[in-house]
Amino acid sequence: MARSGGRKLEQTDGLHIPTTRQKSGEDFDIIIGFLGFWAVLLFGVTVWLEVTGQPALIWALGLLLVCLGLWFMVRLRRKLPERRNRRQP
């Protein structure tokens, strides 16, 4: 075990892997996917209701809220580091 800048590091096959937990965008990716799914679903429902002439105001407001949440999460995601432990092809 080595020390670097006050952090503990493990040595594995010549690679130094920090043992402290680093914030990454993995959780944000899951939330963005969840909100994206609901945005597509709400968009489809809103368009269907508009085409058939039924009231769609509540569905459109729900779509607006989901889109605003999606936009906010994407902006937050850009500030975080890339995903960790990517698979090698």
PDB file of N, CA and C in Angstrom:
ATOM      1  N   MET A   1       0.853  -1.174   0.000  1.00  0.00           N
ATOM      2  CA  MET A   1       0.000   0.000   0.000  1.00  0.00           C
ATOM      3  C   MET A   1       0.897   1.234   0.000  1.00  0.00           C
ATOM      4  N   ALA A   2       0.611   2.178  -0.864  1.00  0.00           N
ATOM      5  CA  ALA A   2       1.403   3.390  -0.982  1.00  0.00           C
ATOM      6  C   ALA A   2       0.549   4.586  -0.599  1.00  0.00           C
ATOM      7  N   ARG A   3       1.227   5.690  -0.282  1.00  0.00           N
ATOM      8  CA  ARG A   3       0.516   6.923   0.030  1.00  0.00           C
ATOM      9  C   ARG A   3       0.889   7.964  -1.016  1.00  0.00           C
ATOM     10  N   SER A   4      -0.105   8.683  -1.465  1.00  0.00           N
ATOM     11  CA  SER A   4       0.134   9.714  -2.466  1.00  0.00           C
ATOM     12  C   SER A   4      -0.752  10.908  -2.143  1.00  0.00           C
ATOM     13  N   GLY A   5      -0.150  12.003  -1.763  1.00  0.00           N
ATOM     14  CA  GLY A   5      -0.907  13.224  -1.501  1.00  0.00           C
ATOM     15  C   GLY A   5      -1.928  13.070  -0.392  1.00  0.00           C
ATOM     16  N   GLY A   6      -1.647  12.243   0.615  1.00  0.00           N
ATOM     17  CA  GLY A   6      -2.565  12.078   1.723  1.00  0.00           C
ATOM     18  C   GLY A   6      -3.656  11.060   1.468  1.00  0.00           C
ATOM     19  N   ARG A   7      -3.665  10.434   0.283  1.00  0.00           N
ATOM     20  CA  ARG A   7      -4.669   9.421  -0.021  1.00  0.00           C
ATOM     21  C   ARG A   7      -4.021   8.047   0.002  1.00  0.00           C
ATOM     22  N   LYS A   8      -4.777   7.068   0.445  1.00  0.00           N
ATOM     23  CA  LYS A   8      -4.292   5.698   0.416  1.00  0.00           C
ATOM     24  C   LYS A   8      -4.516   5.131  -0.979  1.00  0.00           C
ATOM     25  N   LEU A   9      -3.501   4.457  -1.500  1.00  0.00           N
ATOM     26  CA  LEU A   9      -3.604   3.840  -2.808  1.00  0.00           C
ATOM     27  C   LEU A   9      -3.271   2.364  -2.689  1.00  0.00           C
ATOM     28  N   GLU A  10      -4.007   1.528  -3.423  1.00  0.00           N
ATOM     29  CA  GLU A  10      -3.689   0.121  -3.485  1.00  0.00           C
ATOM     30  C   GLU A  10      -2.859  -0.114  -4.730  1.00  0.00           C
ATOM     31  N   GLN A  11      -1.923  -1.034  -4.647  1.00  0.00           N
ATOM     32  CA  GLN A  11      -1.111  -1.342  -5.799  1.00  0.00           C
ATOM     33  C   GLN A  11      -1.525  -2.718  -6.315  1.00  0.00           C
ATOM     34  N   THR A  12      -2.018  -2.765  -7.554  1.00  0.00           N
ATOM     35  CA  THR A  12      -2.460  -4.001  -8.158  1.00  0.00           C
ATOM     36  C   THR A  12      -1.803  -4.135  -9.519  1.00  0.00           C
ATOM     37  N   ASP A  13      -0.906  -5.074  -9.663  1.00  0.00           N
ATOM     38  CA  ASP A  13      -0.209  -5.324 -10.928  1.00  0.00           C
ATOM     39  C   ASP A  13       0.420  -4.048 -11.494  1.00  0.00           C
ATOM     40  N   GLY A  14       0.996  -3.240 -10.650  1.00  0.00           N
ATOM     41  CA  GLY A  14       1.665  -2.026 -11.100  1.00  0.00           C
ATOM     42  C   GLY A  14       0.731  -0.850 -11.328  1.00  0.00           C
ATOM     43  N   LEU A  15      -0.563  -1.029 -11.128  1.00  0.00           N
ATOM     44  CA  LEU A  15      -1.522   0.058 -11.313  1.00  0.00           C
ATOM     45  C   LEU A  15      -1.914   0.612  -9.958  1.00  0.00           C
ATOM     46  N   HIS A  16      -2.070   1.905  -9.880  1.00  0.00           N
ATOM     47  CA  HIS A  16      -2.500   2.535  -8.640  1.00  0.00           C
ATOM     48  C   HIS A  16      -3.983   2.857  -8.754  1.00  0.00           C
ATOM     49  N   ILE A  17      -4.777   2.288  -7.871  1.00  0.00           N
ATOM     50  CA  ILE A  17      -6.225   2.492  -7.871  1.00  0.00           C
ATOM     51  C   ILE A  17      -6.591   3.168  -6.559  1.00  0.00           C
ATOM     52  N   PRO A  18      -7.141   4.385  -6.610  1.00  0.00           N
ATOM     53  CA  PRO A  18      -7.515   5.051  -5.359  1.00  0.00           C
ATOM     54  C   PRO A  18      -8.634   4.291  -4.655  1.00  0.00           C
ATOM     55  N   THR A  19      -8.537   4.209  -3.330  1.00  0.00           N
ATOM     56  CA  THR A  19      -9.567   3.514  -2.558  1.00  0.00           C
ATOM     57  C   THR A  19     -10.690   4.452  -2.133  1.00  0.00           C
ATOM     58  N   THR A  20     -10.505   5.760  -2.299  1.00  0.00           N
ATOM     59  CA  THR A  20     -11.568   6.696  -1.939  1.00  0.00           C
ATOM     60  C   THR A  20     -12.628   6.682  -3.038  1.00  0.00           C
ATOM     61  N   ARG A  21     -13.865   6.889  -2.640  1.00  0.00           N
ATOM     62  CA  ARG A  21     -14.966   6.875  -3.601  1.00  0.00           C
ATOM     63  C   ARG A  21     -14.985   8.188  -4.365  1.00  0.00           C
ATOM     64  N   GLN A  22     -14.988   8.085  -5.689  1.00  0.00           N
ATOM     65  CA  GLN A  22     -15.001   9.255  -6.547  1.00  0.00           C
ATOM     66  C   GLN A  22     -16.402   9.421  -7.122  1.00  0.00           C
ATOM     67  N   LYS A  23     -16.894  10.657  -7.130  1.00  0.00           N
ATOM     68  CA  LYS A  23     -18.203  10.906  -7.729  1.00  0.00           C
ATOM     69  C   LYS A  23     -18.102  10.718  -9.233  1.00  0.00           C
ATOM     70  N   SER A  24     -19.045  10.025  -9.790  1.00  0.00           N
ATOM     71  CA  SER A  24     -19.089   9.887 -11.239  1.00  0.00           C
ATOM     72  C   SER A  24     -20.532  10.080 -11.694  1.00  0.00           C
ATOM     73  N   GLY A  25     -20.721  10.054 -12.991  1.00  0.00           N
ATOM     74  CA  GLY A  25     -22.045  10.297 -13.536  1.00  0.00           C
ATOM     75  C   GLY A  25     -22.888   9.061 -13.709  1.00  0.00           C
ATOM     76  N   GLU A  26     -22.485   7.923 -13.135  1.00  0.00           N
ATOM     77  CA  GLU A  26     -23.225   6.683 -13.350  1.00  0.00           C
ATOM     78  C   GLU A  26     -24.665   6.782 -12.847  1.00  0.00           C
ATOM     79  N   ASP A  27     -24.865   7.333 -11.664  1.00  0.00           N
ATOM     80  CA  ASP A  27     -26.222   7.483 -11.137  1.00  0.00           C
ATOM     81  C   ASP A  27     -27.026   8.463 -11.979  1.00  0.00           C
ATOM     82  N   PHE A  28     -26.361   9.508 -12.445  1.00  0.00           N
ATOM     83  CA  PHE A  28     -27.039  10.486 -13.288  1.00  0.00           C
ATOM     84  C   PHE A  28     -27.457   9.853 -14.612  1.00  0.00           C
ATOM     85  N   ASP A  29     -26.632   8.948 -15.149  1.00  0.00           N
ATOM     86  CA  ASP A  29     -26.984   8.271 -16.396  1.00  0.00           C
ATOM     87  C   ASP A  29     -28.268   7.463 -16.234  1.00  0.00           C
ATOM     88  N   ILE A  30     -28.421   6.819 -15.100  1.00  0.00           N
ATOM     89  CA  ILE A  30     -29.625   6.025 -14.848  1.00  0.00           C
ATOM     90  C   ILE A  30     -30.848   6.937 -14.764  1.00  0.00           C
ATOM     91  N   ILE A  31     -30.719   8.038 -14.042  1.00  0.00           N
ATOM     92  CA  ILE A  31     -31.841   8.973 -13.898  1.00  0.00           C
ATOM     93  C   ILE A  31     -32.185   9.613 -15.239  1.00  0.00           C
ATOM     94  N   ILE A  32     -31.167   9.953 -16.032  1.00  0.00           N
ATOM     95  CA  ILE A  32     -31.400  10.549 -17.346  1.00  0.00           C
ATOM     96  C   ILE A  32     -32.148   9.555 -18.243  1.00  0.00           C
ATOM     97  N   GLY A  33     -31.766   8.298 -18.197  1.00  0.00           N
ATOM     98  CA  GLY A  33     -32.467   7.283 -18.986  1.00  0.00           C
ATOM     99  C   GLY A  33     -33.911   7.119 -18.550  1.00  0.00           C
ATOM    100  N   PHE A  34     -34.132   7.123 -17.245  1.00  0.00           N
ATOM    101  CA  PHE A  34     -35.490   7.015 -16.710  1.00  0.00           C
ATOM    102  C   PHE A  34     -36.340   8.203 -17.159  1.00  0.00           C
ATOM    103  N   LEU A  35     -35.822   9.413 -17.027  1.00  0.00           N
ATOM    104  CA  LEU A  35     -36.571  10.598 -17.444  1.00  0.00           C
ATOM    105  C   LEU A  35     -36.769  10.636 -18.951  1.00  0.00           C
ATOM    106  N   GLY A  36     -35.780  10.169 -19.702  1.00  0.00           N
ATOM    107  CA  GLY A  36     -35.909  10.123 -21.157  1.00  0.00           C
ATOM    108  C   GLY A  36     -37.026   9.188 -21.599  1.00  0.00           C
ATOM    109  N   PHE A  37     -37.121   8.031 -20.934  1.00  0.00           N
ATOM    110  CA  PHE A  37     -38.207   7.092 -21.237  1.00  0.00           C
ATOM    111  C   PHE A  37     -39.559   7.747 -21.011  1.00  0.00           C
ATOM    112  N   TRP A  38     -39.733   8.394 -19.860  1.00  0.00           N
ATOM    113  CA  TRP A  38     -41.025   9.016 -19.559  1.00  0.00           C
ATOM    114  C   TRP A  38     -41.303  10.209 -20.468  1.00  0.00           C
ATOM    115  N   ALA A  39     -40.260  10.914 -20.908  1.00  0.00           N
ATOM    116  CA  ALA A  39     -40.468  12.025 -21.837  1.00  0.00           C
ATOM    117  C   ALA A  39     -41.011  11.513 -23.169  1.00  0.00           C
ATOM    118  N   VAL A  40     -40.447  10.423 -23.666  1.00  0.00           N
ATOM    119  CA  VAL A  40     -40.934   9.849 -24.928  1.00  0.00           C
ATOM    120  C   VAL A  40     -42.366   9.351 -24.765  1.00  0.00           C
ATOM    121  N   LEU A  41     -42.644   8.683 -23.670  1.00  0.00           N
ATOM    122  CA  LEU A  41     -43.994   8.169 -23.424  1.00  0.00           C
ATOM    123  C   LEU A  41     -45.015   9.307 -23.320  1.00  0.00           C
ATOM    124  N   LEU A  42     -44.686  10.329 -22.537  1.00  0.00           N
ATOM    125  CA  LEU A  42     -45.605  11.463 -22.389  1.00  0.00           C
ATOM    126  C   LEU A  42     -45.775  12.234 -23.691  1.00  0.00           C
ATOM    127  N   PHE A  43     -44.722  12.316 -24.483  1.00  0.00           N
ATOM    128  CA  PHE A  43     -44.827  12.979 -25.779  1.00  0.00           C
ATOM    129  C   PHE A  43     -45.818  12.230 -26.673  1.00  0.00           C
ATOM    130  N   GLY A  44     -45.695  10.906 -26.692  1.00  0.00           N
ATOM    131  CA  GLY A  44     -46.610  10.106 -27.499  1.00  0.00           C
ATOM    132  C   GLY A  44     -48.056  10.256 -27.049  1.00  0.00           C
ATOM    133  N   VAL A  45     -48.291  10.232 -25.736  1.00  0.00           N
ATOM    134  CA  VAL A  45     -49.654  10.387 -25.209  1.00  0.00           C
ATOM    135  C   VAL A  45     -50.194  11.772 -25.543  1.00  0.00           C
ATOM    136  N   THR A  46     -49.367  12.801 -25.380  1.00  0.00           N
ATOM    137  CA  THR A  46     -49.810  14.171 -25.658  1.00  0.00           C
ATOM    138  C   THR A  46     -50.170  14.345 -27.133  1.00  0.00           C
ATOM    139  N   VAL A  47     -49.332  13.826 -28.016  1.00  0.00           N
ATOM    140  CA  VAL A  47     -49.629  13.931 -29.455  1.00  0.00           C
ATOM    141  C   VAL A  47     -50.914  13.173 -29.787  1.00  0.00           C
ATOM    142  N   TRP A  48     -51.066  11.974 -29.230  1.00  0.00           N
ATOM    143  CA  TRP A  48     -52.281  11.195 -29.498  1.00  0.00           C
ATOM    144  C   TRP A  48     -53.536  11.935 -29.036  1.00  0.00           C
ATOM    145  N   LEU A  49     -53.471  12.518 -27.850  1.00  0.00           N
ATOM    146  CA  LEU A  49     -54.632  13.243 -27.340  1.00  0.00           C
ATOM    147  C   LEU A  49     -54.931  14.477 -28.188  1.00  0.00           C
ATOM    148  N   GLU A  50     -53.897  15.160 -28.637  1.00  0.00           N
ATOM    149  CA  GLU A  50     -54.112  16.340 -29.487  1.00  0.00           C
ATOM    150  C   GLU A  50     -54.722  15.945 -30.829  1.00  0.00           C
ATOM    151  N   VAL A  51     -54.241  14.857 -31.401  1.00  0.00           N
ATOM    152  CA  VAL A  51     -54.745  14.423 -32.706  1.00  0.00           C
ATOM    153  C   VAL A  51     -56.199  13.968 -32.608  1.00  0.00           C
ATOM    154  N   THR A  52     -56.546  13.302 -31.524  1.00  0.00           N
ATOM    155  CA  THR A  52     -57.920  12.811 -31.370  1.00  0.00           C
ATOM    156  C   THR A  52     -58.867  13.875 -30.816  1.00  0.00           C
ATOM    157  N   GLY A  53     -58.360  15.059 -30.473  1.00  0.00           N
ATOM    158  CA  GLY A  53     -59.223  16.152 -30.023  1.00  0.00           C
ATOM    159  C   GLY A  53     -59.610  16.089 -28.559  1.00  0.00           C
ATOM    160  N   GLN A  54     -58.910  15.296 -27.774  1.00  0.00           N
ATOM    161  CA  GLN A  54     -59.204  15.205 -26.342  1.00  0.00           C
ATOM    162  C   GLN A  54     -58.345  16.220 -25.581  1.00  0.00           C
ATOM    163  N   PRO A  55     -58.737  16.575 -24.355  1.00  0.00           N
ATOM    164  CA  PRO A  55     -57.936  17.528 -23.583  1.00  0.00           C
ATOM    165  C   PRO A  55     -56.562  16.934 -23.234  1.00  0.00           C
ATOM    166  N   ALA A  56     -55.510  17.712 -23.495  1.00  0.00           N
ATOM    167  CA  ALA A  56     -54.148  17.204 -23.294  1.00  0.00           C
ATOM    168  C   ALA A  56     -53.306  18.144 -22.441  1.00  0.00           C
ATOM    169  N   LEU A  57     -53.936  19.123 -21.788  1.00  0.00           N
ATOM    170  CA  LEU A  57     -53.173  20.122 -21.045  1.00  0.00           C
ATOM    171  C   LEU A  57     -52.381  19.498 -19.899  1.00  0.00           C
ATOM    172  N   ILE A  58     -52.992  18.632 -19.123  1.00  0.00           N
ATOM    173  CA  ILE A  58     -52.309  18.019 -17.978  1.00  0.00           C
ATOM    174  C   ILE A  58     -51.131  17.170 -18.456  1.00  0.00           C
ATOM    175  N   TRP A  59     -51.346  16.398 -19.538  1.00  0.00           N
ATOM    176  CA  TRP A  59     -50.263  15.572 -20.083  1.00  0.00           C
ATOM    177  C   TRP A  59     -49.122  16.438 -20.615  1.00  0.00           C
ATOM    178  N   ALA A  60     -49.471  17.566 -21.253  1.00  0.00           N
ATOM    179  CA  ALA A  60     -48.451  18.463 -21.785  1.00  0.00           C
ATOM    180  C   ALA A  60     -47.659  19.117 -20.650  1.00  0.00           C
ATOM    181  N   LEU A  61     -48.330  19.468 -19.553  1.00  0.00           N
ATOM    182  CA  LEU A  61     -47.621  20.034 -18.404  1.00  0.00           C
ATOM    183  C   LEU A  61     -46.701  18.997 -17.761  1.00  0.00           C
ATOM    184  N   GLY A  62     -47.171  17.752 -17.694  1.00  0.00           N
ATOM    185  CA  GLY A  62     -46.312  16.672 -17.198  1.00  0.00           C
ATOM    186  C   GLY A  62     -45.091  16.488 -18.085  1.00  0.00           C
ATOM    187  N   LEU A  63     -45.288  16.547 -19.393  1.00  0.00           N
ATOM    188  CA  LEU A  63     -44.177  16.454 -20.340  1.00  0.00           C
ATOM    189  C   LEU A  63     -43.194  17.607 -20.145  1.00  0.00           C
ATOM    190  N   LEU A  64     -43.720  18.796 -19.918  1.00  0.00           N
ATOM    191  CA  LEU A  64     -42.857  19.953 -19.666  1.00  0.00           C
ATOM    192  C   LEU A  64     -42.003  19.738 -18.419  1.00  0.00           C
ATOM    193  N   LEU A  65     -42.600  19.262 -17.352  1.00  0.00           N
ATOM    194  CA  LEU A  65     -41.854  19.022 -16.116  1.00  0.00           C
ATOM    195  C   LEU A  65     -40.781  17.954 -16.293  1.00  0.00           C
ATOM    196  N   VAL A  66     -41.119  16.879 -16.993  1.00  0.00           N
ATOM    197  CA  VAL A  66     -40.132  15.820 -17.225  1.00  0.00           C
ATOM    198  C   VAL A  66     -39.000  16.339 -18.099  1.00  0.00           C
ATOM    199  N   CYS A  67     -39.309  17.122 -19.124  1.00  0.00           N
ATOM    200  CA  CYS A  67     -38.267  17.679 -19.998  1.00  0.00           C
ATOM    201  C   CYS A  67     -37.367  18.651 -19.234  1.00  0.00           C
ATOM    202  N   LEU A  68     -37.948  19.459 -18.361  1.00  0.00           N
ATOM    203  CA  LEU A  68     -37.128  20.362 -17.546  1.00  0.00           C
ATOM    204  C   LEU A  68     -36.219  19.575 -16.598  1.00  0.00           C
ATOM    205  N   GLY A  69     -36.743  18.524 -15.995  1.00  0.00           N
ATOM    206  CA  GLY A  69     -35.915  17.673 -15.144  1.00  0.00           C
ATOM    207  C   GLY A  69     -34.804  17.002 -15.924  1.00  0.00           C
ATOM    208  N   LEU A  70     -35.105  16.548 -17.130  1.00  0.00           N
ATOM    209  CA  LEU A  70     -34.106  15.920 -17.992  1.00  0.00           C
ATOM    210  C   LEU A  70     -33.011  16.914 -18.371  1.00  0.00           C
ATOM    211  N   TRP A  71     -33.415  18.116 -18.728  1.00  0.00           N
ATOM    212  CA  TRP A  71     -32.448  19.150 -19.089  1.00  0.00           C
ATOM    213  C   TRP A  71     -31.545  19.482 -17.899  1.00  0.00           C
ATOM    214  N   PHE A  72     -32.130  19.595 -16.710  1.00  0.00           N
ATOM    215  CA  PHE A  72     -31.357  19.899 -15.493  1.00  0.00           C
ATOM    216  C   PHE A  72     -30.365  18.777 -15.182  1.00  0.00           C
ATOM    217  N   MET A  73     -30.788  17.527 -15.318  1.00  0.00           N
ATOM    218  CA  MET A  73     -29.900  16.395 -15.032  1.00  0.00           C
ATOM    219  C   MET A  73     -28.757  16.304 -16.040  1.00  0.00           C
ATOM    220  N   VAL A  74     -29.023  16.597 -17.296  1.00  0.00           N
ATOM    221  CA  VAL A  74     -27.967  16.569 -18.308  1.00  0.00           C
ATOM    222  C   VAL A  74     -26.946  17.663 -18.017  1.00  0.00           C
ATOM    223  N   ARG A  75     -27.405  18.822 -17.598  1.00  0.00           N
ATOM    224  CA  ARG A  75     -26.467  19.901 -17.245  1.00  0.00           C
ATOM    225  C   ARG A  75     -25.603  19.524 -16.053  1.00  0.00           C
ATOM    226  N   LEU A  76     -26.204  18.893 -15.034  1.00  0.00           N
ATOM    227  CA  LEU A  76     -25.420  18.445 -13.883  1.00  0.00           C
ATOM    228  C   LEU A  76     -24.447  17.340 -14.277  1.00  0.00           C
ATOM    229  N   ARG A  77     -24.876  16.476 -15.171  1.00  0.00           N
ATOM    230  CA  ARG A  77     -24.050  15.330 -15.594  1.00  0.00           C
ATOM    231  C   ARG A  77     -22.773  15.792 -16.283  1.00  0.00           C
ATOM    232  N   ARG A  78     -22.841  16.876 -17.032  1.00  0.00           N
ATOM    233  CA  ARG A  78     -21.665  17.374 -17.749  1.00  0.00           C
ATOM    234  C   ARG A  78     -20.542  17.800 -16.816  1.00  0.00           C
ATOM    235  N   LYS A  79     -20.875  18.154 -15.580  1.00  0.00           N
ATOM    236  CA  LYS A  79     -19.875  18.635 -14.630  1.00  0.00           C
ATOM    237  C   LYS A  79     -19.129  17.507 -13.933  1.00  0.00           C
ATOM    238  N   LEU A  80     -19.622  16.267 -14.051  1.00  0.00           N
ATOM    239  CA  LEU A  80     -19.023  15.134 -13.361  1.00  0.00           C
ATOM    240  C   LEU A  80     -18.071  14.387 -14.285  1.00  0.00           C
ATOM    241  N   PRO A  81     -17.126  13.624 -13.699  1.00  0.00           N
ATOM    242  CA  PRO A  81     -16.185  12.870 -14.540  1.00  0.00           C
ATOM    243  C   PRO A  81     -16.885  11.757 -15.309  1.00  0.00           C
ATOM    244  N   GLU A  82     -16.141  11.189 -16.278  1.00  0.00           N
ATOM    245  CA  GLU A  82     -16.662  10.111 -17.105  1.00  0.00           C
ATOM    246  C   GLU A  82     -16.936   8.873 -16.268  1.00  0.00           C
ATOM    247  N   ARG A  83     -17.673   7.924 -16.855  1.00  0.00           N
ATOM    248  CA  ARG A  83     -17.987   6.668 -16.166  1.00  0.00           C
ATOM    249  C   ARG A  83     -16.708   5.894 -15.887  1.00  0.00           C
ATOM    250  N   ARG A  84     -16.738   5.120 -14.806  1.00  0.00           N
ATOM    251  CA  ARG A  84     -15.593   4.308 -14.432  1.00  0.00           C
ATOM    252  C   ARG A  84     -15.808   2.875 -14.905  1.00  0.00           C
ATOM    253  N   ASN A  85     -14.712   2.125 -14.911  1.00  0.00           N
ATOM    254  CA  ASN A  85     -14.742   0.685 -15.173  1.00  0.00           C
ATOM    255  C   ASN A  85     -15.467   0.349 -16.478  1.00  0.00           C
ATOM    256  N   ARG A  86     -15.051   0.987 -17.548  1.00  0.00           N
ATOM    257  CA  ARG A  86     -15.641   0.659 -18.834  1.00  0.00           C
ATOM    258  C   ARG A  86     -15.124  -0.693 -19.310  1.00  0.00           C
ATOM    259  N   ARG A  87     -15.967  -1.410 -20.006  1.00  0.00           N
ATOM    260  CA  ARG A  87     -15.555  -2.702 -20.545  1.00  0.00           C
ATOM    261  C   ARG A  87     -14.624  -2.493 -21.720  1.00  0.00           C
ATOM    262  N   GLN A  88     -13.630  -3.340 -21.812  1.00  0.00           N
ATOM    263  CA  GLN A  88     -12.710  -3.301 -22.931  1.00  0.00           C
ATOM    264  C   GLN A  88     -13.220  -4.221 -24.038  1.00  0.00           C
ATOM    265  N   PRO A  89     -13.217  -3.761 -25.303  1.00  0.00           N
ATOM    266  CA  PRO A  89     -13.721  -4.617 -26.405  1.00  0.00           C
ATOM    267  C   PRO A  89     -12.798  -5.781 -26.682  1.00  0.00           C
TER     268      PRO A  89
END
